[in-house]
Amino acid sequence: MQHAGGRRLGLIENRGAFALLVLINAFVGAMVGMERTVLPLLAEQEFAIASRASIIGFLLAFGLTKALANAVAGCAADRWGRRRVLLAGWIVGIPVPFLIIFAPTWDWIIGANVLLGINQGLCWSAAIVMKLDLAGPRRRGLAIGLNEASGYIAVSLAALASGLLAAHYGLRTAPFLIGVVAVFAGLTASLFTKETRGLTEFESCTIPFGKSQTAISAFAVFRRVSWSDLSLRTVSQAGLVNNMNDGVSWALLPIYFASRGARIEEIAILAAAYPVVWGVGQAAAGALSDRWDRKWLMAGGMALQGVALITIAAASGFGPWLGGMVSLGAGTALAYPALLAAVADHSDPGWRASAVGVYRLWRDLGYAVGAVAIGFAADQVGVPSSIVLTGIITVASGVVIARSYTSPALQFHVPPESRSTERARP
């Protein structure tokens, strides 16, 4: 599709800009990946924190700030532009690895995760929205799949590398040098991006006449995504549950594996297996969601995650745990890009960034909910039982999607000035 200003919508047409954003999101993922293996172990072994609820306090700080940053990022991206939000996120992230490296108390770690939450909320939201702008309506599932794949493959590689560095050089300094490299590389690469907000004006012309709602308030978007639109509400609850179980995987599973005799190198592999399968699988799952009904990818993915968590809690030994982590990653890969694409399906281009921000607000509140509820449960009934409880909740979320979500029948209007462009391309 041809944009009036000479730019086009589409992955092929914008492959250079899209590839740069894929690279940038890999650096965003590496920032959070550096923590996934080491930080829970650091809490126990260097800061002598025994309470599970206290250990995952860092997750509460991260989840709350990331959730709020997502909502702010969406509104700011619609009002002031995506590129400014992306750059602001990287600037906020600069102190994060240094605070962890030099932290004299656990409170410094909490503070670092507040900044990390802002960094992730602003940068990841901006990267998603910019890719949606570039891709246009027909390939948004693939665009999101590629975005999430780059981010979570980087999460996996950083989790593996930080664990191996911790095993050889200790839990503190070496693992977090990954973050020093990632934050400055991401900021530098982001300086070369171009603003994409203008592309939404052209895409609005592809909405069937009479259905475009570009003039809608931020509160109206929040209400629509949170409760008044049944399908968007269903997607939002699934996103919250998805990140609740991701928080459990991040904060409790390393402790659980260590308590059952796993070595740091084995924990690093287990921590990396989940996001690498999640990351690699999302590219294919995102493309499939453009061809198949997203509803069943979302519902099936949530059910598979839940079964995987129950299996991990019931199993014993590295092999069965690895199978469970691979299954957890596969289920997340099926659901994750389809959930985001479903939000875009039910949103107008004029307020899509805000809708994505509200969805990501609810999704990342799952970290906070998991930190409070599952952390309390772990202290009361034990880590294995809390993992099983999380699995049951996740399966139930998939059932809600199957019963309540309705896929839209999208019919996109192509304006007259762009038809010749479409016919000219093979």
Protein backbone atom coordinates (compact mmCIF):
# COMPACT_ATOMS: atom_id res chain seq x y z
CA MET A 1 0.00 0.00 0.00
CA GLN A 2 1.28 3.48 -0.89
CA HIS A 3 1.28 6.23 1.72
CA ALA A 4 0.57 9.76 0.59
CA GLY A 5 3.97 10.89 1.76
CA GLY A 6 5.73 8.28 -0.35
CA ARG A 7 6.07 5.58 2.33
CA ARG A 8 4.35 2.21 2.15
CA LEU A 9 2.74 -0.22 4.53
CA GLY A 10 4.14 -3.75 4.60
CA LEU A 11 6.96 -5.85 5.97
CA ILE A 12 8.80 -6.13 2.65
CA GLU A 13 8.35 -2.46 1.81
CA ASN A 14 9.77 -1.43 5.22
CA ARG A 15 12.24 -4.28 5.72
CA GLY A 16 15.17 -2.04 6.69
CA ALA A 17 13.28 -0.08 9.33
CA PHE A 18 11.60 -3.26 10.54
CA ALA A 19 14.89 -5.15 10.87
CA LEU A 20 16.37 -2.30 12.91
CA LEU A 21 13.41 -2.43 15.31
CA VAL A 22 13.79 -6.21 15.61
CA LEU A 23 17.43 -5.68 16.65
CA ILE A 24 16.47 -2.97 19.13
CA ASN A 25 13.90 -5.22 20.77
CA ALA A 26 16.57 -7.87 21.21
CA PHE A 27 18.52 -5.41 23.34
CA VAL A 28 15.32 -4.67 25.30
CA GLY A 29 14.93 -8.38 25.99
CA ALA A 30 18.55 -8.77 27.08
CA MET A 31 17.99 -6.15 29.79
CA VAL A 32 15.40 -8.30 31.56
CA GLY A 33 17.05 -11.60 30.63
CA MET A 34 20.15 -10.82 32.66
CA GLU A 35 18.02 -11.12 35.83
CA ARG A 36 16.02 -14.29 35.19
CA THR A 37 18.58 -16.85 36.36
CA VAL A 38 20.64 -14.93 38.89
CA LEU A 39 18.47 -12.48 40.83
CA PRO A 40 16.39 -14.97 42.90
CA LEU A 41 19.60 -16.82 43.81
CA LEU A 42 21.30 -13.52 44.66
CA ALA A 43 18.49 -12.73 47.11
CA GLU A 44 19.00 -15.97 49.01
CA GLN A 45 22.76 -16.31 48.88
CA GLU A 46 24.09 -12.73 49.13
CA PHE A 47 21.28 -10.85 50.86
CA ALA A 48 20.09 -13.76 53.06
CA ILE A 49 16.38 -13.22 52.34
CA ALA A 50 14.41 -16.29 53.40
CA SER A 51 10.78 -15.26 52.75
CA ARG A 52 9.59 -16.12 49.24
CA ALA A 53 7.23 -13.13 49.30
CA SER A 54 10.14 -10.82 50.18
CA ILE A 55 12.37 -12.30 47.49
CA ILE A 56 9.85 -11.63 44.74
CA GLY A 57 9.32 -8.07 45.96
CA PHE A 58 11.57 -7.09 43.05
CA LEU A 59 8.96 -8.63 40.74
CA LEU A 60 6.19 -6.57 42.36
CA ALA A 61 8.21 -3.38 41.77
CA PHE A 62 9.00 -4.40 38.20
CA GLY A 63 5.44 -5.43 37.35
CA LEU A 64 3.71 -2.35 38.74
CA THR A 65 6.06 0.14 37.09
CA LYS A 66 6.12 -1.75 33.77
CA ALA A 67 2.32 -1.94 33.73
CA LEU A 68 1.94 1.80 34.32
CA ALA A 69 4.73 2.58 31.86
CA ASN A 70 2.89 0.58 29.18
CA ALA A 71 -0.25 2.67 29.60
CA VAL A 72 1.76 5.91 29.55
CA ALA A 73 3.75 4.71 26.54
CA GLY A 74 0.61 4.01 24.52
CA CYS A 75 -0.94 7.43 25.15
CA ALA A 76 2.39 9.23 24.68
CA ALA A 77 3.08 7.36 21.43
CA ASP A 78 -0.29 8.45 20.02
CA ARG A 79 0.23 12.05 21.15
CA TRP A 80 3.97 12.77 20.84
CA GLY A 81 5.31 10.00 18.65
CA ARG A 82 6.74 6.51 19.02
CA ARG A 83 10.43 7.39 18.59
CA ARG A 84 10.46 9.79 21.55
CA VAL A 85 8.97 7.11 23.79
CA LEU A 86 11.61 4.61 22.64
CA LEU A 87 14.51 6.95 23.36
CA ALA A 88 13.09 7.96 26.75
CA GLY A 89 12.89 4.31 27.76
CA TRP A 90 16.56 3.71 27.02
CA ILE A 91 17.66 6.80 28.95
CA VAL A 92 15.74 5.60 32.03
CA GLY A 93 17.37 2.17 31.70
CA ILE A 94 20.99 3.35 31.84
CA PRO A 95 21.39 3.12 35.67
CA VAL A 96 19.82 -0.36 36.01
CA PRO A 97 22.84 -2.70 35.68
CA PHE A 98 25.04 -0.37 37.72
CA LEU A 99 22.55 -0.26 40.61
CA ILE A 100 22.48 -4.06 40.74
CA ILE A 101 26.25 -4.43 40.51
CA PHE A 102 26.95 -1.98 43.34
CA ALA A 103 23.84 -2.61 45.50
CA PRO A 104 24.73 -2.63 49.24
CA THR A 105 21.16 -3.65 50.23
CA TRP A 106 18.20 -5.40 48.61
CA ASP A 107 16.38 -2.04 48.43
CA TRP A 108 18.80 -1.02 45.68
CA ILE A 109 17.71 -4.08 43.70
CA ILE A 110 14.08 -3.04 44.15
CA GLY A 111 14.92 0.46 42.90
CA ALA A 112 16.77 -0.95 39.90
CA ASN A 113 13.69 -2.97 39.00
CA VAL A 114 11.49 0.11 39.18
CA LEU A 115 13.70 1.69 36.52
CA LEU A 116 13.83 -1.59 34.59
CA GLY A 117 10.03 -1.71 34.54
CA ILE A 118 9.89 1.79 33.06
CA ASN A 119 12.58 0.88 30.53
CA GLN A 120 10.71 -2.26 29.43
CA GLY A 121 7.31 -0.58 29.33
CA LEU A 122 8.42 2.36 27.21
CA CYS A 123 10.86 0.57 24.88
CA TRP A 124 8.93 -2.64 24.26
CA SER A 125 5.60 -0.82 23.76
CA ALA A 126 7.16 1.64 21.33
CA ALA A 127 8.84 -1.16 19.37
CA ILE A 128 5.57 -3.10 19.06
CA VAL A 129 3.56 -0.09 17.93
CA MET A 130 6.20 0.99 15.41
CA LYS A 131 6.19 -2.50 13.87
CA LEU A 132 2.38 -2.50 13.70
CA ASP A 133 2.53 0.89 11.95
CA LEU A 134 4.99 -0.43 9.37
CA ALA A 135 3.34 -3.79 8.75
CA GLY A 136 -0.22 -2.69 8.00
CA PRO A 137 -3.35 -4.70 8.84
CA ARG A 138 -2.74 -7.89 6.88
CA ARG A 139 0.53 -9.02 8.50
CA ARG A 140 0.21 -7.72 12.04
CA GLY A 141 0.34 -11.20 13.57
CA LEU A 142 3.64 -11.92 11.82
CA ALA A 143 4.97 -8.47 12.77
CA ILE A 144 4.20 -9.06 16.44
CA GLY A 145 5.56 -12.59 16.27
CA LEU A 146 8.89 -11.34 14.91
CA ASN A 147 9.03 -8.57 17.50
CA GLU A 148 8.34 -10.93 20.40
CA ALA A 149 10.66 -13.58 18.97
CA SER A 150 13.61 -11.19 18.91
CA GLY A 151 12.91 -10.00 22.44
CA TYR A 152 12.46 -13.39 24.04
CA ILE A 153 15.29 -15.11 22.21
CA ALA A 154 17.44 -12.35 23.68
CA VAL A 155 15.86 -12.96 27.10
CA SER A 156 16.85 -16.61 26.78
CA LEU A 157 20.41 -15.97 25.63
CA ALA A 158 20.94 -13.38 28.38
CA ALA A 159 19.49 -15.74 31.01
CA LEU A 160 21.81 -18.53 29.86
CA ALA A 161 24.86 -16.28 29.62
CA SER A 162 24.25 -14.66 33.02
CA GLY A 163 23.89 -18.09 34.64
CA LEU A 164 27.11 -19.38 33.11
CA LEU A 165 28.95 -16.19 34.09
CA ALA A 166 27.58 -16.54 37.63
CA ALA A 167 28.77 -20.14 37.83
CA HIS A 168 32.33 -19.16 36.88
CA TYR A 169 32.72 -15.62 38.28
CA GLY A 170 30.11 -15.27 41.04
CA LEU A 171 26.57 -13.98 41.30
CA ARG A 172 27.25 -10.26 41.33
CA THR A 173 29.26 -8.27 38.79
CA ALA A 174 29.87 -10.43 35.71
CA PRO A 175 26.26 -11.44 34.93
CA PHE A 176 25.06 -7.85 34.86
CA LEU A 177 27.67 -6.59 32.45
CA ILE A 178 25.24 -7.97 29.87
CA GLY A 179 22.92 -5.13 30.80
CA VAL A 180 25.66 -2.51 30.42
CA VAL A 181 26.27 -3.62 26.83
CA ALA A 182 22.54 -3.94 26.04
CA VAL A 183 21.47 -0.50 27.30
CA PHE A 184 24.11 1.46 25.39
CA ALA A 185 23.75 -0.64 22.23
CA GLY A 186 19.96 -0.24 22.32
CA LEU A 187 20.14 3.51 22.82
CA THR A 188 22.64 3.90 19.98
CA ALA A 189 20.56 1.82 17.56
CA SER A 190 17.38 3.73 18.50
CA LEU A 191 18.96 7.00 17.39
CA PHE A 192 18.75 5.70 13.80
CA THR A 193 14.99 4.96 13.86
CA LYS A 194 12.37 7.09 12.07
CA GLU A 195 8.99 8.14 13.39
CA THR A 196 6.12 5.91 12.17
CA ARG A 197 3.05 7.63 13.63
CA GLY A 198 2.15 9.25 10.30
CA LEU A 199 1.48 5.85 8.74
CA THR A 200 -1.63 5.40 10.89
CA GLU A 201 -3.42 8.19 8.97
CA PHE A 202 -3.19 6.15 5.79
CA GLU A 203 -4.14 2.89 7.47
CA SER A 204 -7.28 4.54 8.83
CA CYS A 205 -8.46 4.74 5.21
CA THR A 206 -8.45 0.93 5.05
CA ILE A 207 -11.12 0.67 7.76
CA PRO A 208 -14.63 0.16 6.34
CA PHE A 209 -16.45 3.46 5.88
CA GLY A 210 -18.26 4.57 9.00
CA LYS A 211 -16.26 2.38 11.40
CA SER A 212 -13.20 4.56 12.03
CA GLN A 213 -13.19 6.13 15.50
CA THR A 214 -10.04 8.23 15.60
CA ALA A 215 -11.49 10.76 18.08
CA ILE A 216 -11.68 8.75 21.29
CA SER A 217 -10.50 9.73 24.75
CA ALA A 218 -7.85 7.90 26.75
CA PHE A 219 -10.45 6.93 29.34
CA ALA A 220 -12.77 5.61 26.62
CA VAL A 221 -9.94 3.40 25.36
CA PHE A 222 -9.23 2.20 28.91
CA ARG A 223 -12.91 1.40 29.49
CA ARG A 224 -13.20 -0.41 26.18
CA VAL A 225 -10.11 -2.60 26.63
CA SER A 226 -10.75 -3.24 30.33
CA TRP A 227 -14.44 -4.12 30.49
CA SER A 228 -16.95 -2.69 27.99
CA ASP A 229 -15.74 -4.73 24.97
CA LEU A 230 -16.14 -8.42 25.88
CA SER A 231 -13.45 -9.67 23.49
CA LEU A 232 -10.89 -7.08 24.59
CA ARG A 233 -11.73 -7.78 28.24
CA THR A 234 -11.19 -11.48 27.62
CA VAL A 235 -7.82 -10.82 26.00
CA SER A 236 -6.79 -8.56 28.89
CA GLN A 237 -7.53 -11.20 31.54
CA ALA A 238 -5.54 -13.75 29.57
CA GLY A 239 -2.61 -11.37 29.32
CA LEU A 240 -2.69 -10.82 33.09
CA VAL A 241 -2.71 -14.57 33.80
CA ASN A 242 0.02 -15.19 31.22
CA ASN A 243 2.41 -12.80 32.94
CA MET A 244 1.41 -14.04 36.37
CA ASN A 245 2.72 -17.48 35.41
CA ASP A 246 5.75 -15.90 33.74
CA GLY A 247 6.49 -14.16 37.03
CA VAL A 248 6.27 -17.48 38.84
CA SER A 249 8.69 -18.96 36.29
CA TRP A 250 11.06 -16.04 36.78
CA ALA A 251 11.01 -15.71 40.56
CA LEU A 252 10.12 -19.14 41.97
CA LEU A 253 11.30 -21.79 39.54
CA PRO A 254 15.06 -21.07 39.98
CA ILE A 255 14.58 -21.38 43.76
CA TYR A 256 12.47 -24.53 43.30
CA PHE A 257 15.06 -26.19 41.06
CA ALA A 258 17.91 -25.24 43.44
CA SER A 259 16.00 -26.69 46.41
CA ARG A 260 15.66 -29.96 44.51
CA GLY A 261 19.41 -30.21 43.92
CA ALA A 262 19.90 -28.58 40.52
CA ARG A 263 23.28 -26.92 39.86
CA ILE A 264 23.55 -23.30 38.71
CA GLU A 265 24.51 -24.45 35.18
CA GLU A 266 21.38 -26.65 35.04
CA ILE A 267 19.19 -23.84 36.36
CA ALA A 268 20.62 -21.55 33.67
CA ILE A 269 19.69 -24.05 30.94
CA LEU A 270 16.18 -24.52 32.37
CA ALA A 271 15.69 -20.75 32.70
CA ALA A 272 16.86 -20.25 29.11
CA ALA A 273 14.88 -23.12 27.54
CA TYR A 274 11.50 -21.56 28.31
CA PRO A 275 12.05 -18.14 26.68
CA VAL A 276 14.03 -19.52 23.71
CA VAL A 277 11.16 -21.84 22.73
CA TRP A 278 8.77 -18.98 23.43
CA GLY A 279 10.84 -16.65 21.26
CA VAL A 280 11.49 -18.96 18.31
CA GLY A 281 7.91 -20.23 18.29
CA GLN A 282 6.34 -16.78 18.20
CA ALA A 283 7.46 -15.99 14.66
CA ALA A 284 5.61 -19.06 13.34
CA ALA A 285 2.66 -18.63 15.72
CA GLY A 286 2.28 -14.98 14.77
CA ALA A 287 2.18 -15.86 11.06
CA LEU A 288 -0.33 -18.66 11.73
CA SER A 289 -2.56 -16.24 13.63
CA ASP A 290 -2.90 -14.18 10.43
CA ARG A 291 -4.35 -17.25 8.68
CA TRP A 292 -6.15 -19.14 11.43
CA ASP A 293 -8.63 -17.98 14.05
CA ARG A 294 -6.55 -16.33 16.78
CA LYS A 295 -9.09 -17.50 19.37
CA TRP A 296 -7.94 -21.12 19.38
CA LEU A 297 -4.25 -20.24 19.39
CA MET A 298 -4.88 -18.12 22.47
CA ALA A 299 -7.06 -20.67 24.26
CA GLY A 300 -4.84 -23.64 23.38
CA GLY A 301 -1.66 -21.78 24.31
CA MET A 302 -2.98 -20.85 27.74
CA ALA A 303 -4.11 -24.43 28.42
CA LEU A 304 -0.71 -25.82 27.40
CA GLN A 305 1.07 -23.38 29.73
CA GLY A 306 -1.08 -24.46 32.64
CA VAL A 307 -0.49 -28.16 32.05
CA ALA A 308 3.26 -27.52 31.73
CA LEU A 309 3.42 -25.77 35.12
CA ILE A 310 1.57 -28.61 36.83
CA THR A 311 3.95 -31.10 35.18
CA ILE A 312 7.03 -29.18 36.39
CA ALA A 313 5.75 -29.20 39.97
CA ALA A 314 4.95 -32.93 39.84
CA ALA A 315 8.16 -34.02 38.10
CA SER A 316 11.66 -34.60 39.47
CA GLY A 317 14.98 -34.39 37.67
CA PHE A 318 16.56 -32.28 34.97
CA GLY A 319 15.06 -34.15 31.99
CA PRO A 320 11.40 -33.91 33.02
CA TRP A 321 11.87 -30.32 34.14
CA LEU A 322 13.40 -29.45 30.77
CA GLY A 323 10.42 -31.01 28.99
CA GLY A 324 8.09 -28.97 31.15
CA MET A 325 9.95 -25.73 30.44
CA VAL A 326 9.90 -26.45 26.68
CA SER A 327 6.13 -27.07 26.86
CA LEU A 328 5.67 -23.86 28.86
CA GLY A 329 7.55 -21.95 26.17
CA ALA A 330 5.51 -23.56 23.39
CA GLY A 331 2.22 -22.65 25.04
CA THR A 332 3.34 -19.08 25.59
CA ALA A 333 4.50 -18.83 21.96
CA LEU A 334 1.04 -19.83 20.74
CA ALA A 335 -0.81 -17.34 22.91
CA TYR A 336 1.46 -14.30 23.20
CA PRO A 337 1.50 -12.82 19.66
CA ALA A 338 -2.11 -13.81 19.05
CA LEU A 339 -3.21 -11.88 22.16
CA LEU A 340 -1.47 -8.71 21.01
CA ALA A 341 -2.71 -9.09 17.44
CA ALA A 342 -6.26 -9.57 18.77
CA VAL A 343 -6.02 -6.20 20.53
CA ALA A 344 -4.97 -4.60 17.25
CA ASP A 345 -7.83 -6.38 15.44
CA HIS A 346 -10.37 -4.77 17.74
CA SER A 347 -8.76 -1.28 17.66
CA ASP A 348 -8.83 1.63 15.25
CA PRO A 349 -5.38 2.78 13.97
CA GLY A 350 -6.00 6.21 15.49
CA TRP A 351 -6.11 4.83 19.05
CA ARG A 352 -4.38 1.49 18.56
CA ALA A 353 -1.22 2.49 20.46
CA SER A 354 -3.35 3.48 23.45
CA ALA A 355 -5.27 0.19 23.28
CA VAL A 356 -2.03 -1.79 23.15
CA GLY A 357 -0.80 0.23 26.13
CA VAL A 358 -3.92 -0.55 28.18
CA TYR A 359 -3.71 -4.25 27.31
CA ARG A 360 -0.04 -4.30 28.29
CA LEU A 361 -1.00 -2.48 31.53
CA TRP A 362 -3.28 -5.36 32.49
CA ARG A 363 -0.88 -7.99 31.15
CA ASP A 364 2.09 -6.75 33.18
CA LEU A 365 -0.02 -6.27 36.29
CA GLY A 366 0.15 -10.05 36.22
CA TYR A 367 3.70 -9.78 37.56
CA ALA A 368 2.42 -7.79 40.53
CA VAL A 369 -0.53 -10.12 41.11
CA GLY A 370 1.81 -13.10 40.94
CA ALA A 371 4.30 -11.46 43.30
CA VAL A 372 1.63 -10.86 45.94
CA ALA A 373 -0.69 -13.86 45.60
CA ILE A 374 1.71 -16.60 44.56
CA GLY A 375 4.48 -15.30 46.84
CA PHE A 376 2.07 -15.49 49.79
CA ALA A 377 0.94 -18.95 48.71
CA ALA A 378 4.53 -20.15 48.46
CA ASP A 379 5.18 -19.09 52.07
CA GLN A 380 1.97 -20.74 53.28
CA VAL A 381 1.71 -24.01 51.34
CA GLY A 382 5.12 -24.34 49.70
CA VAL A 383 6.59 -23.60 46.29
CA PRO A 384 5.38 -26.79 44.48
CA SER A 385 1.75 -26.24 45.53
CA SER A 386 1.87 -22.58 44.47
CA ILE A 387 3.18 -23.64 41.04
CA VAL A 388 0.28 -26.10 40.67
CA LEU A 389 -2.19 -23.38 41.69
CA THR A 390 -0.77 -21.11 39.01
CA GLY A 391 -1.17 -23.86 36.43
CA ILE A 392 -4.84 -24.39 37.33
CA ILE A 393 -5.55 -20.65 37.02
CA THR A 394 -3.84 -20.58 33.61
CA VAL A 395 -5.94 -23.47 32.25
CA ALA A 396 -9.08 -21.68 33.50
CA SER A 397 -8.03 -18.54 31.62
CA GLY A 398 -7.88 -20.55 28.39
CA VAL A 399 -11.43 -21.79 29.01
CA VAL A 400 -12.60 -18.17 29.41
CA ILE A 401 -11.11 -17.31 25.99
CA ALA A 402 -12.82 -20.29 24.34
CA ARG A 403 -16.19 -19.26 25.78
CA SER A 404 -16.06 -15.45 25.53
CA TYR A 405 -13.78 -14.22 22.72
CA THR A 406 -15.23 -13.36 19.30
CA SER A 407 -12.91 -12.93 16.31
CA PRO A 408 -13.76 -9.90 14.14
CA ALA A 409 -14.55 -10.29 10.45
CA LEU A 410 -12.04 -7.78 9.05
CA GLN A 411 -12.80 -6.27 5.65
CA PHE A 412 -10.21 -3.67 4.71
CA HIS A 413 -11.01 -0.93 2.20
CA VAL A 414 -8.15 -0.04 -0.16
CA PRO A 415 -8.34 3.63 -1.23
CA PRO A 416 -8.39 4.33 -4.98
CA GLU A 417 -4.93 5.93 -5.06
CA SER A 418 -3.32 2.74 -3.71
CA ARG A 419 -5.07 0.17 -5.91
CA SER A 420 -2.71 0.64 -8.81
CA THR A 421 0.21 0.07 -6.44
CA GLU A 422 -1.29 -3.20 -5.22
CA ARG A 423 -1.98 -4.44 -8.76
CA ALA A 424 1.50 -3.51 -9.91
CA ARG A 425 3.20 -5.72 -7.35
CA PRO A 426 3.37 -9.48 -8.10
